[in-house]
PDB file of N, CA and C in Angstrom:
ATOM      1  N   MET A   1       0.841  -1.180   0.000  1.00  0.00           N
ATOM      2  CA  MET A   1       0.000   0.000   0.000  1.00  0.00           C
ATOM      3  C   MET A   1       0.886   1.243   0.000  1.00  0.00           C
ATOM      4  N   SER A   2       0.549   2.204  -0.845  1.00  0.00           N
ATOM      5  CA  SER A   2       1.324   3.440  -0.876  1.00  0.00           C
ATOM      6  C   SER A   2       0.984   4.304   0.340  1.00  0.00           C
ATOM      7  N   VAL A   3       1.823   5.289   0.589  1.00  0.00           N
ATOM      8  CA  VAL A   3       1.575   6.198   1.713  1.00  0.00           C
ATOM      9  C   VAL A   3       0.236   6.902   1.530  1.00  0.00           C
ATOM     10  N   TRP A   4      -0.082   7.313   0.306  1.00  0.00           N
ATOM     11  CA  TRP A   4      -1.340   8.022   0.078  1.00  0.00           C
ATOM     12  C   TRP A   4      -2.548   7.107   0.262  1.00  0.00           C
ATOM     13  N   GLU A   5      -2.407   5.829  -0.080  1.00  0.00           N
ATOM     14  CA  GLU A   5      -3.496   4.884   0.191  1.00  0.00           C
ATOM     15  C   GLU A   5      -3.693   4.720   1.695  1.00  0.00           C
ATOM     16  N   LEU A   6      -2.597   4.707   2.435  1.00  0.00           N
ATOM     17  CA  LEU A   6      -2.679   4.618   3.894  1.00  0.00           C
ATOM     18  C   LEU A   6      -3.303   5.875   4.490  1.00  0.00           C
ATOM     19  N   VAL A   7      -2.967   7.030   3.930  1.00  0.00           N
ATOM     20  CA  VAL A   7      -3.585   8.284   4.381  1.00  0.00           C
ATOM     21  C   VAL A   7      -5.099   8.191   4.184  1.00  0.00           C
ATOM     22  N   GLY A   8      -5.525   7.715   3.020  1.00  0.00           N
ATOM     23  CA  GLY A   8      -6.954   7.562   2.754  1.00  0.00           C
ATOM     24  C   GLY A   8      -7.612   6.581   3.711  1.00  0.00           C
ATOM     25  N   PHE A   9      -6.932   5.475   3.999  1.00  0.00           N
ATOM     26  CA  PHE A   9      -7.453   4.477   4.928  1.00  0.00           C
ATOM     27  C   PHE A   9      -7.683   5.084   6.308  1.00  0.00           C
ATOM     28  N   VAL A  10      -6.719   5.829   6.807  1.00  0.00           N
ATOM     29  CA  VAL A  10      -6.848   6.437   8.135  1.00  0.00           C
ATOM     30  C   VAL A  10      -7.879   7.560   8.105  1.00  0.00           C
ATOM     31  N   LYS A  11      -7.873   8.347   7.046  1.00  0.00           N
ATOM     32  CA  LYS A  11      -8.757   9.518   6.960  1.00  0.00           C
ATOM     33  C   LYS A  11     -10.237   9.138   6.901  1.00  0.00           C
ATOM     34  N   ARG A  12     -10.545   7.945   6.405  1.00  0.00           N
ATOM     35  CA  ARG A  12     -11.946   7.519   6.290  1.00  0.00           C
ATOM     36  C   ARG A  12     -12.625   7.301   7.633  1.00  0.00           C
ATOM     37  N   SER A  13     -11.866   7.298   8.715  1.00  0.00           N
ATOM     38  CA  SER A  13     -12.454   7.031  10.029  1.00  0.00           C
ATOM     39  C   SER A  13     -11.888   7.991  11.071  1.00  0.00           C
ATOM     40  N   LYS A  14     -12.768   8.742  11.699  1.00  0.00           N
ATOM     41  CA  LYS A  14     -12.336   9.652  12.773  1.00  0.00           C
ATOM     42  C   LYS A  14     -11.689   8.868  13.910  1.00  0.00           C
ATOM     43  N   GLN A  15     -12.209   7.658  14.167  1.00  0.00           N
ATOM     44  CA  GLN A  15     -11.639   6.840  15.240  1.00  0.00           C
ATOM     45  C   GLN A  15     -10.216   6.410  14.903  1.00  0.00           C
ATOM     46  N   ARG A  16      -9.974   6.015  13.649  1.00  0.00           N
ATOM     47  CA  ARG A  16      -8.609   5.645  13.250  1.00  0.00           C
ATOM     48  C   ARG A  16      -7.675   6.836  13.417  1.00  0.00           C
ATOM     49  N   GLN A  17      -8.128   8.012  12.988  1.00  0.00           N
ATOM     50  CA  GLN A  17      -7.298   9.210  13.116  1.00  0.00           C
ATOM     51  C   GLN A  17      -6.961   9.459  14.579  1.00  0.00           C
ATOM     52  N   ARG A  18      -7.953   9.342  15.426  1.00  0.00           N
ATOM     53  CA  ARG A  18      -7.747   9.623  16.851  1.00  0.00           C
ATOM     54  C   ARG A  18      -6.781   8.626  17.491  1.00  0.00           C
ATOM     55  N   ILE A  19      -6.952   7.351  17.191  1.00  0.00           N
ATOM     56  CA  ILE A  19      -6.075   6.333  17.774  1.00  0.00           C
ATOM     57  C   ILE A  19      -4.638   6.550  17.311  1.00  0.00           C
ATOM     58  N   LEU A  20      -4.434   6.795  16.023  1.00  0.00           N
ATOM     59  CA  LEU A  20      -3.074   7.002  15.524  1.00  0.00           C
ATOM     60  C   LEU A  20      -2.458   8.253  16.148  1.00  0.00           C
ATOM     61  N   ARG A  21      -3.237   9.324  16.256  1.00  0.00           N
ATOM     62  CA  ARG A  21      -2.752  10.567  16.869  1.00  0.00           C
ATOM     63  C   ARG A  21      -2.389  10.368  18.335  1.00  0.00           C
ATOM     64  N   ASP A  22      -3.186   9.562  19.032  1.00  0.00           N
ATOM     65  CA  ASP A  22      -2.970   9.383  20.470  1.00  0.00           C
ATOM     66  C   ASP A  22      -1.828   8.432  20.807  1.00  0.00           C
ATOM     67  N   LEU A  23      -1.208   7.831  19.806  1.00  0.00           N
ATOM     68  CA  LEU A  23      -0.038   6.983  20.053  1.00  0.00           C
ATOM     69  C   LEU A  23       1.240   7.825  20.021  1.00  0.00           C
ATOM     70  N   ASP A  24       1.221   8.952  20.722  1.00  0.00           N
ATOM     71  CA  ASP A  24       2.383   9.840  20.778  1.00  0.00           C
ATOM     72  C   ASP A  24       3.515   9.225  21.595  1.00  0.00           C
ATOM     73  N   ALA A  25       3.187   8.239  22.401  1.00  0.00           N
ATOM     74  CA  ALA A  25       4.160   7.459  23.179  1.00  0.00           C
ATOM     75  C   ALA A  25       3.607   6.039  23.231  1.00  0.00           C
ATOM     76  N   PRO A  26       4.441   5.039  23.505  1.00  0.00           N
ATOM     77  CA  PRO A  26       3.923   3.669  23.577  1.00  0.00           C
ATOM     78  C   PRO A  26       2.771   3.558  24.577  1.00  0.00           C
ATOM     79  N   LYS A  27       1.699   2.895  24.137  1.00  0.00           N
ATOM     80  CA  LYS A  27       0.503   2.754  24.976  1.00  0.00           C
ATOM     81  C   LYS A  27      -0.089   1.362  24.809  1.00  0.00           C
ATOM     82  N   THR A  28      -0.822   0.945  25.838  1.00  0.00           N
ATOM     83  CA  THR A  28      -1.595  -0.290  25.770  1.00  0.00           C
ATOM     84  C   THR A  28      -2.987   0.049  25.234  1.00  0.00           C
ATOM     85  N   PRO A  29      -3.728  -0.958  24.761  1.00  0.00           N
ATOM     86  CA  PRO A  29      -5.111  -0.691  24.353  1.00  0.00           C
ATOM     87  C   PRO A  29      -5.944  -0.084  25.490  1.00  0.00           C
ATOM     88  N   THR A  30      -5.695  -0.503  26.716  1.00  0.00           N
ATOM     89  CA  THR A  30      -6.435   0.051  27.860  1.00  0.00           C
ATOM     90  C   THR A  30      -6.137   1.534  28.036  1.00  0.00           C
ATOM     91  N   GLU A  31      -4.881   1.926  27.882  1.00  0.00           N
ATOM     92  CA  GLU A  31      -4.526   3.352  27.990  1.00  0.00           C
ATOM     93  C   GLU A  31      -5.195   4.152  26.880  1.00  0.00           C
ATOM     94  N   LEU A  32      -5.263   3.587  25.672  1.00  0.00           N
ATOM     95  CA  LEU A  32      -5.957   4.270  24.579  1.00  0.00           C
ATOM     96  C   LEU A  32      -7.451   4.383  24.879  1.00  0.00           C
ATOM     97  N   TYR A  33      -8.026   3.344  25.462  1.00  0.00           N
ATOM     98  CA  TYR A  33      -9.438   3.379  25.855  1.00  0.00           C
ATOM     99  C   TYR A  33      -9.680   4.501  26.864  1.00  0.00           C
ATOM    100  N   GLU A  34      -8.815   4.588  27.867  1.00  0.00           N
ATOM    101  CA  GLU A  34      -8.976   5.622  28.893  1.00  0.00           C
ATOM    102  C   GLU A  34      -8.827   7.021  28.313  1.00  0.00           C
ATOM    103  N   LYS A  35      -7.982   7.161  27.308  1.00  0.00           N
ATOM    104  CA  LYS A  35      -7.749   8.476  26.712  1.00  0.00           C
ATOM    105  C   LYS A  35      -8.845   8.860  25.715  1.00  0.00           C
ATOM    106  N   THR A  36      -9.394   7.865  25.003  1.00  0.00           N
ATOM    107  CA  THR A  36     -10.333   8.169  23.922  1.00  0.00           C
ATOM    108  C   THR A  36     -11.784   7.828  24.223  1.00  0.00           C
ATOM    109  N   SER A  37     -12.034   6.925  25.157  1.00  0.00           N
ATOM    110  CA  SER A  37     -13.376   6.413  25.465  1.00  0.00           C
ATOM    111  C   SER A  37     -14.011   5.666  24.295  1.00  0.00           C
ATOM    112  N   LEU A  38     -13.207   5.254  23.321  1.00  0.00           N
ATOM    113  CA  LEU A  38     -13.715   4.417  22.237  1.00  0.00           C
ATOM    114  C   LEU A  38     -13.874   2.995  22.759  1.00  0.00           C
ATOM    115  N   ALA A  39     -14.696   2.208  22.108  1.00  0.00           N
ATOM    116  CA  ALA A  39     -14.903   0.819  22.523  1.00  0.00           C
ATOM    117  C   ALA A  39     -13.584   0.051  22.453  1.00  0.00           C
ATOM    118  N   ARG A  40     -13.337  -0.752  23.466  1.00  0.00           N
ATOM    119  CA  ARG A  40     -12.090  -1.536  23.506  1.00  0.00           C
ATOM    120  C   ARG A  40     -11.961  -2.445  22.292  1.00  0.00           C
ATOM    121  N   SER A  41     -13.073  -3.033  21.864  1.00  0.00           N
ATOM    122  CA  SER A  41     -13.021  -3.918  20.693  1.00  0.00           C
ATOM    123  C   SER A  41     -12.615  -3.139  19.444  1.00  0.00           C
ATOM    124  N   HIS A  42     -13.087  -1.902  19.329  1.00  0.00           N
ATOM    125  CA  HIS A  42     -12.719  -1.066  18.180  1.00  0.00           C
ATOM    126  C   HIS A  42     -11.229  -0.718  18.230  1.00  0.00           C
ATOM    127  N   ILE A  43     -10.732  -0.400  19.402  1.00  0.00           N
ATOM    128  CA  ILE A  43      -9.314  -0.072  19.559  1.00  0.00           C
ATOM    129  C   ILE A  43      -8.453  -1.276  19.193  1.00  0.00           C
ATOM    130  N   SER A  44      -8.803  -2.445  19.692  1.00  0.00           N
ATOM    131  CA  SER A  44      -8.024  -3.653  19.394  1.00  0.00           C
ATOM    132  C   SER A  44      -8.040  -3.969  17.905  1.00  0.00           C
ATOM    133  N   ARG A  45      -9.209  -3.871  17.279  1.00  0.00           N
ATOM    134  CA  ARG A  45      -9.316  -4.139  15.843  1.00  0.00           C
ATOM    135  C   ARG A  45      -8.494  -3.131  15.042  1.00  0.00           C
ATOM    136  N   THR A  46      -8.574  -1.867  15.420  1.00  0.00           N
ATOM    137  CA  THR A  46      -7.833  -0.825  14.713  1.00  0.00           C
ATOM    138  C   THR A  46      -6.332  -1.023  14.867  1.00  0.00           C
ATOM    139  N   LEU A  47      -5.874  -1.363  16.061  1.00  0.00           N
ATOM    140  CA  LEU A  47      -4.445  -1.618  16.262  1.00  0.00           C
ATOM    141  C   LEU A  47      -3.979  -2.793  15.408  1.00  0.00           C
ATOM    142  N   ARG A  48      -4.805  -3.826  15.291  1.00  0.00           N
ATOM    143  CA  ARG A  48      -4.460  -4.973  14.451  1.00  0.00           C
ATOM    144  C   ARG A  48      -4.368  -4.541  12.979  1.00  0.00           C
ATOM    145  N   GLU A  49      -5.337  -3.738  12.517  1.00  0.00           N
ATOM    146  CA  GLU A  49      -5.307  -3.234  11.137  1.00  0.00           C
ATOM    147  C   GLU A  49      -4.075  -2.364  10.908  1.00  0.00           C
ATOM    148  N   PHE A  50      -3.774  -1.497  11.859  1.00  0.00           N
ATOM    149  CA  PHE A  50      -2.592  -0.639  11.741  1.00  0.00           C
ATOM    150  C   PHE A  50      -1.318  -1.471  11.702  1.00  0.00           C
ATOM    151  N   SER A  51      -1.251  -2.481  12.535  1.00  0.00           N
ATOM    152  CA  SER A  51      -0.072  -3.342  12.590  1.00  0.00           C
ATOM    153  C   SER A  51       0.118  -4.077  11.263  1.00  0.00           C
ATOM    154  N   GLU A  52      -0.962  -4.596  10.690  1.00  0.00           N
ATOM    155  CA  GLU A  52      -0.901  -5.296   9.403  1.00  0.00           C
ATOM    156  C   GLU A  52      -0.423  -4.381   8.286  1.00  0.00           C
ATOM    157  N   ARG A  53      -0.692  -3.093   8.408  1.00  0.00           N
ATOM    158  CA  ARG A  53      -0.304  -2.120   7.382  1.00  0.00           C
ATOM    159  C   ARG A  53       1.017  -1.416   7.696  1.00  0.00           C
ATOM    160  N   GLY A  54       1.633  -1.768   8.817  1.00  0.00           N
ATOM    161  CA  GLY A  54       2.929  -1.192   9.169  1.00  0.00           C
ATOM    162  C   GLY A  54       2.871   0.195   9.775  1.00  0.00           C
ATOM    163  N   LEU A  55       1.695   0.611  10.262  1.00  0.00           N
ATOM    164  CA  LEU A  55       1.562   1.944  10.851  1.00  0.00           C
ATOM    165  C   LEU A  55       1.937   1.966  12.328  1.00  0.00           C
ATOM    166  N   VAL A  56       1.753   0.839  12.997  1.00  0.00           N
ATOM    167  CA  VAL A  56       2.159   0.699  14.398  1.00  0.00           C
ATOM    168  C   VAL A  56       2.879  -0.633  14.550  1.00  0.00           C
ATOM    169  N   GLU A  57       3.608  -0.763  15.647  1.00  0.00           N
ATOM    170  CA  GLU A  57       4.229  -2.045  15.959  1.00  0.00           C
ATOM    171  C   GLU A  57       3.974  -2.372  17.415  1.00  0.00           C
ATOM    172  N   CYS A  58       3.853  -3.655  17.672  1.00  0.00           N
ATOM    173  CA  CYS A  58       3.663  -4.130  19.039  1.00  0.00           C
ATOM    174  C   CYS A  58       5.043  -4.376  19.633  1.00  0.00           C
ATOM    175  N   LEU A  59       5.314  -3.743  20.761  1.00  0.00           N
ATOM    176  CA  LEU A  59       6.616  -3.873  21.415  1.00  0.00           C
ATOM    177  C   LEU A  59       6.691  -5.114  22.297  1.00  0.00           C
ATOM    178  N   THR A  60       5.538  -5.667  22.664  1.00  0.00           N
ATOM    179  CA  THR A  60       5.486  -6.827  23.567  1.00  0.00           C
ATOM    180  C   THR A  60       4.560  -7.901  22.989  1.00  0.00           C
ATOM    181  N   PRO A  61       4.875  -8.449  21.816  1.00  0.00           N
ATOM    182  CA  PRO A  61       3.949  -9.364  21.138  1.00  0.00           C
ATOM    183  C   PRO A  61       3.698 -10.681  21.872  1.00  0.00           C
ATOM    184  N   LYS A  62       4.586 -11.088  22.760  1.00  0.00           N
ATOM    185  CA  LYS A  62       4.410 -12.369  23.452  1.00  0.00           C
ATOM    186  C   LYS A  62       3.462 -12.273  24.641  1.00  0.00           C
ATOM    187  N   GLN A  63       3.155 -11.072  25.072  1.00  0.00           N
ATOM    188  CA  GLN A  63       2.214 -10.896  26.183  1.00  0.00           C
ATOM    189  C   GLN A  63       0.785 -11.101  25.687  1.00  0.00           C
ATOM    190  N   ARG A  64      -0.012 -11.787  26.494  1.00  0.00           N
ATOM    191  CA  ARG A  64      -1.418 -11.997  26.125  1.00  0.00           C
ATOM    192  C   ARG A  64      -2.249 -10.743  26.375  1.00  0.00           C
ATOM    193  N   SER A  65      -1.907  -9.993  27.397  1.00  0.00           N
ATOM    194  CA  SER A  65      -2.636  -8.756  27.682  1.00  0.00           C
ATOM    195  C   SER A  65      -1.625  -7.675  28.047  1.00  0.00           C
ATOM    196  N   GLY A  66      -2.057  -6.441  27.964  1.00  0.00           N
ATOM    197  CA  GLY A  66      -1.177  -5.327  28.294  1.00  0.00           C
ATOM    198  C   GLY A  66      -0.090  -5.089  27.262  1.00  0.00           C
ATOM    199  N   ARG A  67      -0.366  -5.451  26.010  1.00  0.00           N
ATOM    200  CA  ARG A  67       0.629  -5.237  24.955  1.00  0.00           C
ATOM    201  C   ARG A  67       0.842  -3.744  24.736  1.00  0.00           C
ATOM    202  N   LEU A  68       2.091  -3.384  24.499  1.00  0.00           N
ATOM    203  CA  LEU A  68       2.446  -1.990  24.215  1.00  0.00           C
ATOM    204  C   LEU A  68       2.572  -1.787  22.711  1.00  0.00           C
ATOM    205  N   TYR A  69       1.961  -0.729  22.221  1.00  0.00           N
ATOM    206  CA  TYR A  69       2.031  -0.376  20.804  1.00  0.00           C
ATOM    207  C   TYR A  69       2.648   1.004  20.652  1.00  0.00           C
ATOM    208  N   ARG A  70       3.386   1.170  19.550  1.00  0.00           N
ATOM    209  CA  ARG A  70       3.909   2.498  19.225  1.00  0.00           C
ATOM    210  C   ARG A  70       3.780   2.725  17.725  1.00  0.00           C
ATOM    211  N   ILE A  71       3.763   3.981  17.368  1.00  0.00           N
ATOM    212  CA  ILE A  71       3.661   4.368  15.968  1.00  0.00           C
ATOM    213  C   ILE A  71       5.015   4.131  15.288  1.00  0.00           C
ATOM    214  N   THR A  72       4.978   3.723  14.027  1.00  0.00           N
ATOM    215  CA  THR A  72       6.200   3.497  13.259  1.00  0.00           C
ATOM    216  C   THR A  72       6.537   4.752  12.448  1.00  0.00           C
ATOM    217  N   ARG A  73       7.654   4.704  11.771  1.00  0.00           N
ATOM    218  CA  ARG A  73       8.041   5.827  10.901  1.00  0.00           C
ATOM    219  C   ARG A  73       6.983   6.023   9.809  1.00  0.00           C
ATOM    220  N   LYS A  74       6.488   4.918   9.255  1.00  0.00           N
ATOM    221  CA  LYS A  74       5.444   5.003   8.230  1.00  0.00           C
ATOM    222  C   LYS A  74       4.176   5.629   8.815  1.00  0.00           C
ATOM    223  N   GLY A  75       3.825   5.237  10.032  1.00  0.00           N
ATOM    224  CA  GLY A  75       2.664   5.816  10.702  1.00  0.00           C
ATOM    225  C   GLY A  75       2.836   7.303  10.944  1.00  0.00           C
ATOM    226  N   ARG A  76       4.039   7.706  11.324  1.00  0.00           N
ATOM    227  CA  ARG A  76       4.334   9.130  11.542  1.00  0.00           C
ATOM    228  C   ARG A  76       4.194   9.899  10.225  1.00  0.00           C
ATOM    229  N   THR A  77       4.658   9.311   9.117  1.00  0.00           N
ATOM    230  CA  THR A  77       4.527   9.949   7.802  1.00  0.00           C
ATOM    231  C   THR A  77       3.057  10.153   7.452  1.00  0.00           C
ATOM    232  N   VAL A  78       2.236   9.141   7.707  1.00  0.00           N
ATOM    233  CA  VAL A  78       0.796   9.254   7.447  1.00  0.00           C
ATOM    234  C   VAL A  78       0.195  10.374   8.293  1.00  0.00           C
ATOM    235  N   LEU A  79       0.560  10.439   9.570  1.00  0.00           N
ATOM    236  CA  LEU A  79       0.060  11.518  10.440  1.00  0.00           C
ATOM    237  C   LEU A  79       0.468  12.888   9.919  1.00  0.00           C
ATOM    238  N   ASP A  80       1.712  13.013   9.498  1.00  0.00           N
ATOM    239  CA  ASP A  80       2.197  14.292   8.967  1.00  0.00           C
ATOM    240  C   ASP A  80       1.409  14.704   7.729  1.00  0.00           C
ATOM    241  N   ARG A  81       1.123  13.752   6.851  1.00  0.00           N
ATOM    242  CA  ARG A  81       0.361  14.060   5.634  1.00  0.00           C
ATOM    243  C   ARG A  81      -1.080  14.444   5.973  1.00  0.00           C
ATOM    244  N   LEU A  82      -1.657  13.782   6.971  1.00  0.00           N
ATOM    245  CA  LEU A  82      -3.012  14.143   7.401  1.00  0.00           C
ATOM    246  C   LEU A  82      -3.048  15.554   7.971  1.00  0.00           C
ATOM    247  N   ALA A  83      -2.039  15.905   8.752  1.00  0.00           N
ATOM    248  CA  ALA A  83      -1.979  17.228   9.374  1.00  0.00           C
ATOM    249  C   ALA A  83      -1.800  18.323   8.328  1.00  0.00           C
ATOM    250  N   ALA A  84      -1.138  17.993   7.220  1.00  0.00           N
ATOM    251  CA  ALA A  84      -0.866  18.983   6.180  1.00  0.00           C
ATOM    252  C   ALA A  84      -2.099  19.265   5.318  1.00  0.00           C
ATOM    253  N   GLN A  85      -3.119  18.441   5.439  1.00  0.00           N
ATOM    254  CA  GLN A  85      -4.312  18.626   4.594  1.00  0.00           C
ATOM    255  C   GLN A  85      -5.296  19.574   5.219  1.00  0.00           C
TER     256      GLN A  85
END
């Protein structure tokens, strides 16, 4: 997927934009829930979609719960392009 396709993917959902923006530091899905009040299932699904597209990475993949996620360089590029629009 090109960077512009990823920008379109994130831009189509206010929730995706918010989750990506709120990953300013490594966070767990629970921390994102507390910060955004979005449904936990939506946060988990979005993080999985972001991870599959290379926008975020899981820092603790072997943990069953309390996994830490952070934005990748590609994710930061997408955020920068969204902010410029």
